[in-house]
C-alpha atoms as a PDB file:
ATOM      1  CA  UNK A   1     -19.365  15.358  -0.678  1.00  0.00           C
ATOM      2  CA  UNK A   2     -17.376  15.933  -3.856  1.00  0.00           C
ATOM      3  CA  UNK A   3     -19.294  14.897  -6.946  1.00  0.00           C
ATOM      4  CA  UNK A   4     -17.489  13.412  -9.956  1.00  0.00           C
ATOM      5  CA  UNK A   5     -18.912  15.153 -12.991  1.00  0.00           C
ATOM      6  CA  UNK A   6     -18.842  12.146 -15.305  1.00  0.00           C
ATOM      7  CA  UNK A   7     -19.432   9.464 -12.701  1.00  0.00           C
ATOM      8  CA  UNK A   8     -16.137   7.849 -13.640  1.00  0.00           C
ATOM      9  CA  UNK A   9     -15.086   7.678  -9.982  1.00  0.00           C
ATOM     10  CA  UNK A  10     -18.351   6.166  -8.738  1.00  0.00           C
ATOM     11  CA  UNK A  11     -17.046   2.606  -8.303  1.00  0.00           C
ATOM     12  CA  UNK A  12     -14.014   3.750  -6.319  1.00  0.00           C
ATOM     13  CA  UNK A  13     -16.048   6.137  -4.183  1.00  0.00           C
ATOM     14  CA  UNK A  14     -18.616   3.417  -3.437  1.00  0.00           C
ATOM     15  CA  UNK A  15     -15.841   1.235  -2.004  1.00  0.00           C
ATOM     16  CA  UNK A  16     -14.262   4.168  -0.164  1.00  0.00           C
ATOM     17  CA  UNK A  17     -17.592   4.961   1.483  1.00  0.00           C
ATOM     18  CA  UNK A  18     -18.132   1.345   2.578  1.00  0.00           C
ATOM     19  CA  UNK A  19     -14.915   0.440   4.433  1.00  0.00           C
ATOM     20  CA  UNK A  20     -14.565  -3.165   5.483  1.00  0.00           C
ATOM     21  CA  UNK A  21     -12.824  -2.545   8.831  1.00  0.00           C
ATOM     22  CA  UNK A  22     -16.099  -1.898  10.757  1.00  0.00           C
ATOM     23  CA  UNK A  23     -17.236  -5.363   9.630  1.00  0.00           C
ATOM     24  CA  UNK A  24     -13.869  -6.860  10.591  1.00  0.00           C
ATOM     25  CA  UNK A  25     -14.167  -5.310  14.049  1.00  0.00           C
ATOM     26  CA  UNK A  26     -17.631  -6.822  14.425  1.00  0.00           C
ATOM     27  CA  UNK A  27     -16.428 -10.290  13.388  1.00  0.00           C
ATOM     28  CA  UNK A  28     -13.558 -10.092  15.858  1.00  0.00           C
ATOM     29  CA  UNK A  29     -15.878  -9.080  18.702  1.00  0.00           C
ATOM     30  CA  UNK A  30     -18.462 -11.795  17.928  1.00  0.00           C
ATOM     31  CA  UNK A  31     -15.823 -14.482  17.577  1.00  0.00           C
ATOM     32  CA  UNK A  32     -13.781 -13.664  20.669  1.00  0.00           C
ATOM     33  CA  UNK A  33     -16.781 -13.104  22.961  1.00  0.00           C
ATOM     34  CA  UNK A  34     -19.115 -15.750  21.563  1.00  0.00           C
ATOM     35  CA  UNK A  35     -19.377 -19.554  21.454  1.00  0.00           C
ATOM     36  CA  UNK A  36     -18.224 -20.073  17.852  1.00  0.00           C
ATOM     37  CA  UNK A  37     -15.150 -22.255  17.483  1.00  0.00           C
ATOM     38  CA  UNK A  38     -14.171 -20.910  14.076  1.00  0.00           C
ATOM     39  CA  UNK A  39     -14.422 -17.644  12.200  1.00  0.00           C
ATOM     40  CA  UNK A  40     -16.317 -19.488   9.453  1.00  0.00           C
ATOM     41  CA  UNK A  41     -19.120 -20.175  11.940  1.00  0.00           C
ATOM     42  CA  UNK A  42     -19.402 -16.465  12.696  1.00  0.00           C
ATOM     43  CA  UNK A  43     -19.509 -15.575   9.001  1.00  0.00           C
ATOM     44  CA  UNK A  44     -22.158 -18.234   8.314  1.00  0.00           C
ATOM     45  CA  UNK A  45     -24.443 -16.489  10.810  1.00  0.00           C
ATOM     46  CA  UNK A  46     -24.058 -13.072   9.175  1.00  0.00           C
ATOM     47  CA  UNK A  47     -27.029 -13.469   6.834  1.00  0.00           C
ATOM     48  CA  UNK A  48     -28.868 -10.216   7.566  1.00  0.00           C
ATOM     49  CA  UNK A  49     -28.007  -6.595   6.733  1.00  0.00           C
ATOM     50  CA  UNK A  50     -26.193  -4.652   9.455  1.00  0.00           C
ATOM     51  CA  UNK A  51     -25.623  -0.929   9.915  1.00  0.00           C
ATOM     52  CA  UNK A  52     -22.242   0.168  11.261  1.00  0.00           C
ATOM     53  CA  UNK A  53     -20.880   3.713  11.521  1.00  0.00           C
ATOM     54  CA  UNK A  54     -23.910   4.957   9.600  1.00  0.00           C
ATOM     55  CA  UNK A  55     -23.290   2.578   6.675  1.00  0.00           C
ATOM     56  CA  UNK A  56     -25.689  -0.215   5.729  1.00  0.00           C
ATOM     57  CA  UNK A  57     -23.962  -3.451   4.732  1.00  0.00           C
ATOM     58  CA  UNK A  58     -26.652  -5.391   2.871  1.00  0.00           C
ATOM     59  CA  UNK A  59     -24.719  -8.669   2.669  1.00  0.00           C
ATOM     60  CA  UNK A  60     -21.885  -8.608   5.244  1.00  0.00           C
ATOM     61  CA  UNK A  61     -20.914 -12.215   4.686  1.00  0.00           C
ATOM     62  CA  UNK A  62     -20.313 -11.649   0.976  1.00  0.00           C
ATOM     63  CA  UNK A  63     -18.444  -8.404   1.585  1.00  0.00           C
ATOM     64  CA  UNK A  64     -16.013 -10.247   3.878  1.00  0.00           C
ATOM     65  CA  UNK A  65     -15.372 -13.212   1.588  1.00  0.00           C
ATOM     66  CA  UNK A  66     -12.094 -11.956   0.103  1.00  0.00           C
ATOM     67  CA  UNK A  67     -10.692 -11.320   3.596  1.00  0.00           C
ATOM     68  CA  UNK A  68     -11.545 -14.728   5.100  1.00  0.00           C
ATOM     69  CA  UNK A  69      -7.953 -15.979   4.954  1.00  0.00           C
ATOM     70  CA  UNK A  70      -6.808 -13.050   7.112  1.00  0.00           C
ATOM     71  CA  UNK A  71      -9.758 -13.291   9.508  1.00  0.00           C
ATOM     72  CA  UNK A  72      -9.044 -16.949  10.209  1.00  0.00           C
ATOM     73  CA  UNK A  73      -5.875 -15.857  12.011  1.00  0.00           C
ATOM     74  CA  UNK A  74      -8.204 -14.664  14.810  1.00  0.00           C
ATOM     75  CA  UNK A  75      -8.541 -18.337  15.711  1.00  0.00           C
ATOM     76  CA  UNK A  76      -4.987 -18.205  17.064  1.00  0.00           C
ATOM     77  CA  UNK A  77      -6.340 -16.043  19.904  1.00  0.00           C
ATOM     78  CA  UNK A  78      -8.643 -18.878  21.006  1.00  0.00           C
ATOM     79  CA  UNK A  79      -5.983 -21.526  20.567  1.00  0.00           C
ATOM     80  CA  UNK A  80      -7.921 -23.071  17.663  1.00  0.00           C
ATOM     81  CA  UNK A  81      -5.047 -22.920  15.200  1.00  0.00           C
ATOM     82  CA  UNK A  82      -1.397 -22.083  14.898  1.00  0.00           C
ATOM     83  CA  UNK A  83      -0.058 -19.090  13.040  1.00  0.00           C
ATOM     84  CA  UNK A  84       0.273 -19.801   9.333  1.00  0.00           C
ATOM     85  CA  UNK A  85       3.247 -17.455   8.920  1.00  0.00           C
ATOM     86  CA  UNK A  86       6.325 -16.213  10.753  1.00  0.00           C
ATOM     87  CA  UNK A  87       4.964 -13.422  12.907  1.00  0.00           C
ATOM     88  CA  UNK A  88       7.003 -10.203  13.042  1.00  0.00           C
ATOM     89  CA  UNK A  89       8.032  -8.266  16.136  1.00  0.00           C
ATOM     90  CA  UNK A  90       5.611  -5.362  16.692  1.00  0.00           C
ATOM     91  CA  UNK A  91       6.281  -2.361  18.921  1.00  0.00           C
ATOM     92  CA  UNK A  92       4.393   0.785  19.850  1.00  0.00           C
ATOM     93  CA  UNK A  93       5.582   4.318  19.140  1.00  0.00           C
ATOM     94  CA  UNK A  94       7.492   4.321  22.442  1.00  0.00           C
ATOM     95  CA  UNK A  95       9.525   1.325  21.237  1.00  0.00           C
ATOM     96  CA  UNK A  96       7.785  -1.051  23.661  1.00  0.00           C
ATOM     97  CA  UNK A  97       6.709  -4.545  22.484  1.00  0.00           C
ATOM     98  CA  UNK A  98       2.960  -4.972  22.057  1.00  0.00           C
ATOM     99  CA  UNK A  99       1.149  -7.864  23.748  1.00  0.00           C
ATOM    100  CA  UNK A 100       0.704 -10.803  21.409  1.00  0.00           C
ATOM    101  CA  UNK A 101      -3.059 -10.499  21.038  1.00  0.00           C
ATOM    102  CA  UNK A 102      -2.937  -6.786  20.230  1.00  0.00           C
ATOM    103  CA  UNK A 103      -0.047  -7.292  17.815  1.00  0.00           C
ATOM    104  CA  UNK A 104      -1.928 -10.015  15.944  1.00  0.00           C
ATOM    105  CA  UNK A 105      -5.058  -7.848  15.780  1.00  0.00           C
ATOM    106  CA  UNK A 106      -3.096  -5.016  14.154  1.00  0.00           C
ATOM    107  CA  UNK A 107      -1.379  -7.399  11.747  1.00  0.00           C
ATOM    108  CA  UNK A 108      -4.741  -8.776  10.573  1.00  0.00           C
ATOM    109  CA  UNK A 109      -6.134  -5.265  10.124  1.00  0.00           C
ATOM    110  CA  UNK A 110      -3.050  -4.249   8.126  1.00  0.00           C
ATOM    111  CA  UNK A 111      -3.491  -7.195   5.739  1.00  0.00           C
ATOM    112  CA  UNK A 112      -7.209  -6.511   5.299  1.00  0.00           C
ATOM    113  CA  UNK A 113      -6.641  -2.816   4.677  1.00  0.00           C
ATOM    114  CA  UNK A 114      -3.840  -3.530   2.190  1.00  0.00           C
ATOM    115  CA  UNK A 115      -6.141  -5.757   0.143  1.00  0.00           C
ATOM    116  CA  UNK A 116      -9.038  -3.303   0.251  1.00  0.00           C
ATOM    117  CA  UNK A 117      -6.946  -0.243  -0.612  1.00  0.00           C
ATOM    118  CA  UNK A 118      -5.364  -2.008  -3.574  1.00  0.00           C
ATOM    119  CA  UNK A 119      -8.856  -2.287  -5.049  1.00  0.00           C
ATOM    120  CA  UNK A 120      -9.897   1.251  -4.099  1.00  0.00           C
ATOM    121  CA  UNK A 121      -6.720   2.811  -5.459  1.00  0.00           C
ATOM    122  CA  UNK A 122      -7.070   0.944  -8.751  1.00  0.00           C
ATOM    123  CA  UNK A 123     -10.672   2.104  -9.155  1.00  0.00           C
ATOM    124  CA  UNK A 124      -9.752   5.734  -8.480  1.00  0.00           C
ATOM    125  CA  UNK A 125      -6.405   5.793 -10.287  1.00  0.00           C
ATOM    126  CA  UNK A 126      -7.581   4.316 -13.594  1.00  0.00           C
ATOM    127  CA  UNK A 127     -10.153   7.005 -14.494  1.00  0.00           C
ATOM    128  CA  UNK A 128      -8.054   9.795 -12.975  1.00  0.00           C
ATOM    129  CA  UNK A 129      -5.843  10.086 -16.057  1.00  0.00           C
ATOM    130  CA  UNK A 130      -2.857  11.080 -13.927  1.00  0.00           C
ATOM    131  CA  UNK A 131       0.615   9.686 -14.653  1.00  0.00           C
ATOM    132  CA  UNK A 132       2.478  11.331 -11.782  1.00  0.00           C
ATOM    133  CA  UNK A 133       3.573   7.943 -10.406  1.00  0.00           C
ATOM    134  CA  UNK A 134       4.888   6.896 -13.822  1.00  0.00           C
ATOM    135  CA  UNK A 135       7.331   9.749 -14.376  1.00  0.00           C
ATOM    136  CA  UNK A 136      10.563  11.168 -13.046  1.00  0.00           C
ATOM    137  CA  UNK A 137      10.795  14.578 -11.342  1.00  0.00           C
ATOM    138  CA  UNK A 138       9.793  17.683 -13.291  1.00  0.00           C
ATOM    139  CA  UNK A 139       8.424  15.905 -16.326  1.00  0.00           C
ATOM    140  CA  UNK A 140       5.932  17.419 -18.735  1.00  0.00           C
ATOM    141  CA  UNK A 141       3.347  14.965 -17.364  1.00  0.00           C
ATOM    142  CA  UNK A 142       3.477  16.682 -13.965  1.00  0.00           C
ATOM    143  CA  UNK A 143       2.006  19.820 -15.499  1.00  0.00           C
ATOM    144  CA  UNK A 144      -0.663  17.781 -17.265  1.00  0.00           C
ATOM    145  CA  UNK A 145      -1.561  16.165 -13.934  1.00  0.00           C
ATOM    146  CA  UNK A 146      -2.086  19.517 -12.282  1.00  0.00           C
ATOM    147  CA  UNK A 147       1.086  19.435 -10.197  1.00  0.00           C
ATOM    148  CA  UNK A 148       2.532  22.825  -9.299  1.00  0.00           C
ATOM    149  CA  UNK A 149       6.087  23.663  -8.281  1.00  0.00           C
ATOM    150  CA  UNK A 150       9.503  22.327  -9.149  1.00  0.00           C
ATOM    151  CA  UNK A 151      10.405  19.061  -7.464  1.00  0.00           C
ATOM    152  CA  UNK A 152      13.622  18.867  -5.473  1.00  0.00           C
ATOM    153  CA  UNK A 153      14.463  15.233  -6.191  1.00  0.00           C
ATOM    154  CA  UNK A 154      16.929  14.274  -8.907  1.00  0.00           C
ATOM    155  CA  UNK A 155      15.289  10.901  -9.577  1.00  0.00           C
ATOM    156  CA  UNK A 156      12.433   8.645  -8.545  1.00  0.00           C
ATOM    157  CA  UNK A 157      12.937   5.011  -7.618  1.00  0.00           C
ATOM    158  CA  UNK A 158      10.369   2.294  -8.331  1.00  0.00           C
ATOM    159  CA  UNK A 159      11.108  -0.878  -6.286  1.00  0.00           C
ATOM    160  CA  UNK A 160      10.625  -4.118  -8.214  1.00  0.00           C
ATOM    161  CA  UNK A 161      10.387  -7.807  -7.483  1.00  0.00           C
ATOM    162  CA  UNK A 162      12.804 -10.120  -9.301  1.00  0.00           C
ATOM    163  CA  UNK A 163       9.952 -11.439 -11.454  1.00  0.00           C
ATOM    164  CA  UNK A 164       9.004  -7.917 -12.575  1.00  0.00           C
ATOM    165  CA  UNK A 165      12.380  -6.887 -14.009  1.00  0.00           C
ATOM    166  CA  UNK A 166      11.642  -8.313 -17.467  1.00  0.00           C
ATOM    167  CA  UNK A 167       8.569  -6.095 -17.928  1.00  0.00           C
ATOM    168  CA  UNK A 168      10.443  -2.961 -18.952  1.00  0.00           C
ATOM    169  CA  UNK A 169      12.977  -3.700 -21.670  1.00  0.00           C
ATOM    170  CA  UNK A 170      15.594  -1.155 -20.554  1.00  0.00           C
ATOM    171  CA  UNK A 171      19.260  -1.479 -19.593  1.00  0.00           C
ATOM    172  CA  UNK A 172      20.057  -3.332 -16.386  1.00  0.00           C
ATOM    173  CA  UNK A 173      22.973  -2.558 -14.096  1.00  0.00           C
ATOM    174  CA  UNK A 174      23.959  -5.384 -11.761  1.00  0.00           C
ATOM    175  CA  UNK A 175      27.481  -5.285 -10.316  1.00  0.00           C
ATOM    176  CA  UNK A 176      29.207  -6.074  -7.044  1.00  0.00           C
ATOM    177  CA  UNK A 177      29.388  -2.324  -6.452  1.00  0.00           C
ATOM    178  CA  UNK A 178      25.657  -1.731  -6.974  1.00  0.00           C
ATOM    179  CA  UNK A 179      24.783  -4.720  -4.761  1.00  0.00           C
ATOM    180  CA  UNK A 180      26.821  -3.186  -1.940  1.00  0.00           C
ATOM    181  CA  UNK A 181      24.879   0.106  -2.096  1.00  0.00           C
ATOM    182  CA  UNK A 182      21.358   1.490  -2.233  1.00  0.00           C
ATOM    183  CA  UNK A 183      19.938   4.237  -4.438  1.00  0.00           C
ATOM    184  CA  UNK A 184      20.289   6.594  -1.458  1.00  0.00           C
ATOM    185  CA  UNK A 185      23.932   5.817  -0.640  1.00  0.00           C
ATOM    186  CA  UNK A 186      26.397   8.689  -0.458  1.00  0.00           C
ATOM    187  CA  UNK A 187      28.400   9.212  -2.509  1.00  0.00           C
ATOM    188  CA  UNK A 188      26.090   7.827  -5.188  1.00  0.00           C
ATOM    189  CA  UNK A 189      26.903   4.940  -7.478  1.00  0.00           C
ATOM    190  CA  UNK A 190      28.930   6.125 -10.468  1.00  0.00           C
ATOM    191  CA  UNK A 191      28.097   4.942 -13.952  1.00  0.00           C
ATOM    192  CA  UNK A 192      29.875   6.090 -17.116  1.00  0.00           C
ATOM    193  CA  UNK A 193      31.710   8.714 -15.104  1.00  0.00           C
ATOM    194  CA  UNK A 194      28.656  10.362 -13.557  1.00  0.00           C
ATOM    195  CA  UNK A 195      26.029   9.651 -10.866  1.00  0.00           C
ATOM    196  CA  UNK A 196      23.756   6.793 -11.917  1.00  0.00           C
ATOM    197  CA  UNK A 197      20.685   9.058 -11.991  1.00  0.00           C
ATOM    198  CA  UNK A 198      22.262  11.213 -14.695  1.00  0.00           C
ATOM    199  CA  UNK A 199      21.878   8.313 -17.124  1.00  0.00           C
ATOM    200  CA  UNK A 200      18.812   7.168 -19.023  1.00  0.00           C
ATOM    201  CA  UNK A 201      16.074   5.175 -17.276  1.00  0.00           C
ATOM    202  CA  UNK A 202      17.599   1.876 -16.162  1.00  0.00           C
ATOM    203  CA  UNK A 203      17.107  -1.046 -13.788  1.00  0.00           C
ATOM    204  CA  UNK A 204      19.566  -1.434 -10.899  1.00  0.00           C
ATOM    205  CA  UNK A 205      20.244  -4.333  -8.569  1.00  0.00           C
ATOM    206  CA  UNK A 206      20.915  -2.767  -5.183  1.00  0.00           C
ATOM    207  CA  UNK A 207      21.714  -4.173  -1.774  1.00  0.00           C
ATOM    208  CA  UNK A 208      17.978  -4.170  -1.019  1.00  0.00           C
ATOM    209  CA  UNK A 209      16.861  -5.563  -4.393  1.00  0.00           C
ATOM    210  CA  UNK A 210      15.897  -4.326  -7.833  1.00  0.00           C
ATOM    211  CA  UNK A 211      14.470  -0.937  -8.736  1.00  0.00           C
ATOM    212  CA  UNK A 212      13.854   1.176 -11.797  1.00  0.00           C
ATOM    213  CA  UNK A 213      15.333   4.665 -11.629  1.00  0.00           C
ATOM    214  CA  UNK A 214      13.482   7.459 -13.450  1.00  0.00           C
ATOM    215  CA  UNK A 215      15.755  10.516 -13.845  1.00  0.00           C
ATOM    216  CA  UNK A 216      14.501  14.082 -14.207  1.00  0.00           C
ATOM    217  CA  UNK A 217      12.137  14.535 -17.119  1.00  0.00           C
ATOM    218  CA  UNK A 218      11.855  10.794 -17.811  1.00  0.00           C
ATOM    219  CA  UNK A 219       8.774   8.595 -18.054  1.00  0.00           C
ATOM    220  CA  UNK A 220       8.287   4.886 -17.453  1.00  0.00           C
ATOM    221  CA  UNK A 221       9.159   3.005 -20.674  1.00  0.00           C
ATOM    222  CA  UNK A 222       5.785   1.238 -20.432  1.00  0.00           C
ATOM    223  CA  UNK A 223       3.803   4.485 -20.435  1.00  0.00           C
ATOM    224  CA  UNK A 224       2.304   4.967 -23.919  1.00  0.00           C
ATOM    225  CA  UNK A 225       3.346   8.322 -25.365  1.00  0.00           C
ATOM    226  CA  UNK A 226       0.079   8.963 -27.208  1.00  0.00           C
ATOM    227  CA  UNK A 227      -2.565   7.665 -24.787  1.00  0.00           C
ATOM    228  CA  UNK A 228      -0.638   8.000 -21.492  1.00  0.00           C
ATOM    229  CA  UNK A 229      -1.885   4.527 -20.596  1.00  0.00           C
ATOM    230  CA  UNK A 230       0.149   1.726 -19.031  1.00  0.00           C
ATOM    231  CA  UNK A 231       1.076  -0.869 -21.649  1.00  0.00           C
ATOM    232  CA  UNK A 232       1.481  -3.622 -19.040  1.00  0.00           C
ATOM    233  CA  UNK A 233      -1.396  -2.632 -16.755  1.00  0.00           C
ATOM    234  CA  UNK A 234      -2.665  -6.159 -16.117  1.00  0.00           C
ATOM    235  CA  UNK A 235       0.878  -7.323 -15.245  1.00  0.00           C
ATOM    236  CA  UNK A 236       2.067  -4.084 -13.616  1.00  0.00           C
ATOM    237  CA  UNK A 237       4.413  -4.367 -10.602  1.00  0.00           C
ATOM    238  CA  UNK A 238       3.017  -4.647  -7.097  1.00  0.00           C
ATOM    239  CA  UNK A 239       4.279  -1.184  -6.186  1.00  0.00           C
ATOM    240  CA  UNK A 240       2.226   0.282  -9.058  1.00  0.00           C
ATOM    241  CA  UNK A 241      -0.946  -1.266  -7.650  1.00  0.00           C
ATOM    242  CA  UNK A 242      -0.798   0.707  -4.427  1.00  0.00           C
ATOM    243  CA  UNK A 243      -0.993   4.435  -5.219  1.00  0.00           C
ATOM    244  CA  UNK A 244      -1.755   6.703  -3.374  1.00  0.00           C
ATOM    245  CA  UNK A 245      -3.760   5.834  -0.239  1.00  0.00           C
ATOM    246  CA  UNK A 246      -1.671   3.554   1.949  1.00  0.00           C
ATOM    247  CA  UNK A 247      -2.439   1.304   4.933  1.00  0.00           C
ATOM    248  CA  UNK A 248      -0.343   2.664   7.767  1.00  0.00           C
ATOM    249  CA  UNK A 249      -1.605   0.585  10.670  1.00  0.00           C
ATOM    250  CA  UNK A 250       1.903  -0.870  10.860  1.00  0.00           C
ATOM    251  CA  UNK A 251       5.134   0.628   9.555  1.00  0.00           C
ATOM    252  CA  UNK A 252       8.094  -1.600   8.744  1.00  0.00           C
ATOM    253  CA  UNK A 253      11.263  -0.350  10.407  1.00  0.00           C
ATOM    254  CA  UNK A 254      14.863  -1.096   9.348  1.00  0.00           C
ATOM    255  CA  UNK A 255      15.426  -2.977  12.617  1.00  0.00           C
ATOM    256  CA  UNK A 256      15.317  -6.677  13.378  1.00  0.00           C
ATOM    257  CA  UNK A 257      14.686  -8.569  16.610  1.00  0.00           C
ATOM    258  CA  UNK A 258      16.080 -11.966  17.582  1.00  0.00           C
ATOM    259  CA  UNK A 259      13.575 -14.595  18.661  1.00  0.00           C
ATOM    260  CA  UNK A 260      14.404 -16.975  21.520  1.00  0.00           C
ATOM    261  CA  UNK A 261      15.398 -19.646  18.983  1.00  0.00           C
ATOM    262  CA  UNK A 262      17.784 -17.234  17.264  1.00  0.00           C
ATOM    263  CA  UNK A 263      15.538 -16.443  14.260  1.00  0.00           C
ATOM    264  CA  UNK A 264      15.713 -12.791  13.191  1.00  0.00           C
ATOM    265  CA  UNK A 265      12.343 -11.104  12.811  1.00  0.00           C
ATOM    266  CA  UNK A 266      11.436  -7.866  11.024  1.00  0.00           C
ATOM    267  CA  UNK A 267      10.265  -5.106  13.363  1.00  0.00           C
ATOM    268  CA  UNK A 268       7.060  -3.157  12.708  1.00  0.00           C
ATOM    269  CA  UNK A 269       5.822  -0.088  14.584  1.00  0.00           C
ATOM    270  CA  UNK A 270       2.127   0.417  15.324  1.00  0.00           C
ATOM    271  CA  UNK A 271       0.866   3.643  13.718  1.00  0.00           C
ATOM    272  CA  UNK A 272      -2.927   3.156  13.367  1.00  0.00           C
ATOM    273  CA  UNK A 273      -3.158   5.552  10.452  1.00  0.00           C
ATOM    274  CA  UNK A 274      -4.168   5.789   6.816  1.00  0.00           C
ATOM    275  CA  UNK A 275      -1.607   7.719   4.766  1.00  0.00           C
ATOM    276  CA  UNK A 276      -2.645   9.579   1.611  1.00  0.00           C
ATOM    277  CA  UNK A 277      -0.188  11.277  -0.756  1.00  0.00           C
ATOM    278  CA  UNK A 278      -1.320  14.832  -1.381  1.00  0.00           C
ATOM    279  CA  UNK A 279       0.299  15.207  -4.801  1.00  0.00           C
ATOM    280  CA  UNK A 280      -2.134  12.646  -6.226  1.00  0.00           C
ATOM    281  CA  UNK A 281      -5.113  14.374  -7.931  1.00  0.00           C
ATOM    282  CA  UNK A 282      -7.719  11.944  -6.614  1.00  0.00           C
ATOM    283  CA  UNK A 283      -6.398  12.335  -3.067  1.00  0.00           C
ATOM    284  CA  UNK A 284      -6.880  16.100  -3.345  1.00  0.00           C
ATOM    285  CA  UNK A 285     -10.284  15.632  -4.941  1.00  0.00           C
ATOM    286  CA  UNK A 286     -11.592  13.182  -2.353  1.00  0.00           C
ATOM    287  CA  UNK A 287      -9.849  14.343   0.813  1.00  0.00           C
ATOM    288  CA  UNK A 288     -13.101  14.418   2.771  1.00  0.00           C
ATOM    289  CA  UNK A 289     -14.067  10.886   1.743  1.00  0.00           C
ATOM    290  CA  UNK A 290     -10.600   9.521   2.535  1.00  0.00           C
ATOM    291  CA  UNK A 291     -10.724  11.122   5.972  1.00  0.00           C
ATOM    292  CA  UNK A 292     -14.143   9.594   6.660  1.00  0.00           C
ATOM    293  CA  UNK A 293     -12.948   6.188   5.404  1.00  0.00           C
ATOM    294  CA  UNK A 294     -10.051   6.182   7.869  1.00  0.00           C
ATOM    295  CA  UNK A 295     -12.118   7.378  10.807  1.00  0.00           C
ATOM    296  CA  UNK A 296     -14.845   4.753  10.239  1.00  0.00           C
ATOM    297  CA  UNK A 297     -12.127   2.146  10.721  1.00  0.00           C
ATOM    298  CA  UNK A 298     -10.859   3.825  13.900  1.00  0.00           C
ATOM    299  CA  UNK A 299      -7.740   5.130  12.148  1.00  0.00           C
ATOM    300  CA  UNK A 300      -6.197   8.581  11.862  1.00  0.00           C
ATOM    301  CA  UNK A 301      -6.058  10.036   8.331  1.00  0.00           C
ATOM    302  CA  UNK A 302      -2.696  11.600   7.454  1.00  0.00           C
ATOM    303  CA  UNK A 303      -2.041  13.604   4.286  1.00  0.00           C
ATOM    304  CA  UNK A 304       1.507  14.329   3.152  1.00  0.00           C
ATOM    305  CA  UNK A 305       3.442  15.273   0.048  1.00  0.00           C
ATOM    306  CA  UNK A 306       5.828  12.816  -1.567  1.00  0.00           C
ATOM    307  CA  UNK A 307       6.732  14.179  -4.991  1.00  0.00           C
ATOM    308  CA  UNK A 308       8.012  17.599  -3.911  1.00  0.00           C
END
C-alpha cells in the first residue's frame, strides 16, 4: 500500500478502503429475500459489526445513513412504493434494454457511488495541491503538478449550471449563434474575428448549456495566484466536486427513447466500471487502492488519460 508521508491523505484513503457498495449489496439481498416490508426495517436490524470483502464495518447502519434515500428505491422491486423520479431507459453494451429490476439496481448503485466518490475525491484532492483541473492546456501549473508532455487540446471546457455562472466574474457570450452550437462544433464559433478559444477566459451559452472555456495557458479566474487555492471552494460548481475518480456504472448516451405515453427518456448504457483519470496526481499515487475499491464493489477499474 502506498503510504502518504505526511498523513494528509489519511481521511480520503480511509474512505477509499471502506467502500459502501458491499454494504449496499448486503442490504439489497436482505431486503429482497427477507420478510422486511421496508428498507428502514432492514437498516434498523443492522446493529452489529459485519465483515465484507475483508473489511470490518463497525457500524453499518450509520455508514449507510447518507444513502438511505437511494436505498429506499429498492422498495419499488417489492411493489411497496412507486418510483420517486422519471426513470431513464437503460441498455447493455449490446444496445439491448435491461430488465426493469436490473436497471433499477444499477441506477441505485450509480447514485450511491456518485455520492461516495464526491466525498472521496474532495478528501484526496484538497491536500493534493494539484490545480490541473483548474487550468487550460499547457499552463505553468501543469509542470507544478507533475504533468509531463505537451497537451494537444486548444482549450478546456468546464460545464456549468445556470446558478453557477455568477461565480466567476468574467465576460459572458450568449448569442443566437452560440446557442445553436456547442464548444465542439466545426467550424468553431467565431468571436472578434477568431475562434472563440483564442480569446481570454470567458463564459459561453451553448446549445447544451453554459460552460467556462479556459484557453491555452489560462487558469480559472477563481484560482488564487499566490496560494493556488480555490477562492470559491465552498460554493464551487458541481463539476469541480467530482475529480478525478468517476462512477461509471452507467454512462449517459446522446440518445433518447420514447416511452409508451410519448415522453422522451434519456438513454444510459450499463458499464459497471469505475473510471479514474490518470493525469491526476492522486490517481497515480493511489492506483492500487482505487483498483481495490472498484473490485470490492464488483466493478472494473479503468484508468485513462484526459488532459493529453
